[in-house]
C-alpha atoms as a PDB file:
ATOM      1  CA  UNK A   1      -6.576  -7.101  14.278  1.00  0.00           C
ATOM      2  CA  UNK A   2      -6.996  -9.441  11.621  1.00  0.00           C
ATOM      3  CA  UNK A   3      -7.477 -13.386  12.146  1.00  0.00           C
ATOM      4  CA  UNK A   4      -5.573 -15.831  10.126  1.00  0.00           C
ATOM      5  CA  UNK A   5      -6.132 -19.663   9.147  1.00  0.00           C
ATOM      6  CA  UNK A   6      -3.154 -21.922  10.149  1.00  0.00           C
ATOM      7  CA  UNK A   7      -3.151 -25.300   8.794  1.00  0.00           C
ATOM      8  CA  UNK A   8      -1.001 -28.265  10.620  1.00  0.00           C
ATOM      9  CA  UNK A   9       0.286 -31.665   8.540  1.00  0.00           C
ATOM     10  CA  UNK A  10      -2.108 -33.408  10.814  1.00  0.00           C
ATOM     11  CA  UNK A  11      -5.135 -31.901   9.241  1.00  0.00           C
ATOM     12  CA  UNK A  12      -6.001 -29.391  11.980  1.00  0.00           C
ATOM     13  CA  UNK A  13      -6.995 -25.629  10.974  1.00  0.00           C
ATOM     14  CA  UNK A  14      -6.400 -23.197  13.712  1.00  0.00           C
ATOM     15  CA  UNK A  15      -7.880 -19.356  13.419  1.00  0.00           C
ATOM     16  CA  UNK A  16      -5.429 -17.168  15.022  1.00  0.00           C
ATOM     17  CA  UNK A  17      -6.342 -13.474  15.745  1.00  0.00           C
ATOM     18  CA  UNK A  18      -2.778 -11.751  15.051  1.00  0.00           C
ATOM     19  CA  UNK A  19      -1.153  -8.572  13.787  1.00  0.00           C
ATOM     20  CA  UNK A  20      -0.449  -8.140  10.290  1.00  0.00           C
ATOM     21  CA  UNK A  21       3.614  -8.133  10.591  1.00  0.00           C
ATOM     22  CA  UNK A  22       2.818 -11.414  12.762  1.00  0.00           C
ATOM     23  CA  UNK A  23       0.659 -13.207  10.465  1.00  0.00           C
ATOM     24  CA  UNK A  24       3.654 -15.452   8.492  1.00  0.00           C
ATOM     25  CA  UNK A  25       4.881 -16.883  11.813  1.00  0.00           C
ATOM     26  CA  UNK A  26       3.659 -20.376  12.448  1.00  0.00           C
ATOM     27  CA  UNK A  27       1.109 -20.973  14.984  1.00  0.00           C
ATOM     28  CA  UNK A  28       0.897 -23.788  17.483  1.00  0.00           C
ATOM     29  CA  UNK A  29      -1.406 -26.788  16.607  1.00  0.00           C
ATOM     30  CA  UNK A  30      -4.267 -27.169  19.395  1.00  0.00           C
ATOM     31  CA  UNK A  31      -4.413 -30.831  18.329  1.00  0.00           C
ATOM     32  CA  UNK A  32      -0.713 -31.849  18.598  1.00  0.00           C
ATOM     33  CA  UNK A  33       1.438 -28.977  19.567  1.00  0.00           C
ATOM     34  CA  UNK A  34       3.593 -29.014  15.962  1.00  0.00           C
ATOM     35  CA  UNK A  35       3.724 -25.568  13.915  1.00  0.00           C
ATOM     36  CA  UNK A  36       0.730 -24.554  11.655  1.00  0.00           C
ATOM     37  CA  UNK A  37       1.263 -22.342   8.897  1.00  0.00           C
ATOM     38  CA  UNK A  38      -0.712 -19.870   7.413  1.00  0.00           C
ATOM     39  CA  UNK A  39      -3.246 -20.487   4.600  1.00  0.00           C
ATOM     40  CA  UNK A  40      -2.599 -18.622   1.508  1.00  0.00           C
ATOM     41  CA  UNK A  41      -5.871 -19.251  -0.147  1.00  0.00           C
ATOM     42  CA  UNK A  42      -8.876 -16.884   0.003  1.00  0.00           C
ATOM     43  CA  UNK A  43     -11.401 -15.689  -2.111  1.00  0.00           C
ATOM     44  CA  UNK A  44     -11.549 -12.058  -2.802  1.00  0.00           C
ATOM     45  CA  UNK A  45     -15.030  -9.885  -1.764  1.00  0.00           C
ATOM     46  CA  UNK A  46     -16.834  -7.803  -4.833  1.00  0.00           C
ATOM     47  CA  UNK A  47     -18.300  -4.828  -3.350  1.00  0.00           C
ATOM     48  CA  UNK A  48     -20.010  -3.741  -6.140  1.00  0.00           C
ATOM     49  CA  UNK A  49     -22.355  -6.235  -8.522  1.00  0.00           C
ATOM     50  CA  UNK A  50     -21.624  -3.737 -11.476  1.00  0.00           C
ATOM     51  CA  UNK A  51     -19.346  -0.771 -12.810  1.00  0.00           C
ATOM     52  CA  UNK A  52     -19.799   2.543 -11.488  1.00  0.00           C
ATOM     53  CA  UNK A  53     -21.447   5.018 -14.246  1.00  0.00           C
ATOM     54  CA  UNK A  54     -18.846   7.112 -16.021  1.00  0.00           C
ATOM     55  CA  UNK A  55     -19.051  10.794 -15.570  1.00  0.00           C
ATOM     56  CA  UNK A  56     -17.919  13.454 -18.042  1.00  0.00           C
ATOM     57  CA  UNK A  57     -15.917  16.586 -16.149  1.00  0.00           C
ATOM     58  CA  UNK A  58     -18.762  19.528 -16.336  1.00  0.00           C
ATOM     59  CA  UNK A  59     -15.815  21.893 -16.270  1.00  0.00           C
ATOM     60  CA  UNK A  60     -13.987  20.233 -19.818  1.00  0.00           C
ATOM     61  CA  UNK A  61     -15.864  21.219 -23.337  1.00  0.00           C
ATOM     62  CA  UNK A  62     -17.433  18.666 -25.826  1.00  0.00           C
ATOM     63  CA  UNK A  63     -14.567  16.557 -27.583  1.00  0.00           C
ATOM     64  CA  UNK A  64     -12.240  16.619 -24.312  1.00  0.00           C
ATOM     65  CA  UNK A  65     -10.194  13.508 -25.160  1.00  0.00           C
ATOM     66  CA  UNK A  66      -9.996  12.273 -21.597  1.00  0.00           C
ATOM     67  CA  UNK A  67     -13.667  12.147 -21.247  1.00  0.00           C
ATOM     68  CA  UNK A  68     -15.689   9.284 -22.735  1.00  0.00           C
ATOM     69  CA  UNK A  69     -17.365  10.474 -25.899  1.00  0.00           C
ATOM     70  CA  UNK A  70     -20.826   8.763 -25.117  1.00  0.00           C
ATOM     71  CA  UNK A  71     -21.643  10.408 -22.109  1.00  0.00           C
ATOM     72  CA  UNK A  72     -23.269  14.177 -22.294  1.00  0.00           C
END
């Protein structure tokens, strides 16, 4: 199960481990007991630092419209 961050109006941030189906339900603030709502902001993680090289399909003929012309 993933962890989600919830923030209360009092400013407290709560980290809760929940199922994906329960992620939008409010959590209880550990500081004041009021509902804390899920924070929507996140930064995506890039898994590659550069794009994968293009590869021409060896079964296609030269000049194939679906294979990049610059790749031999």
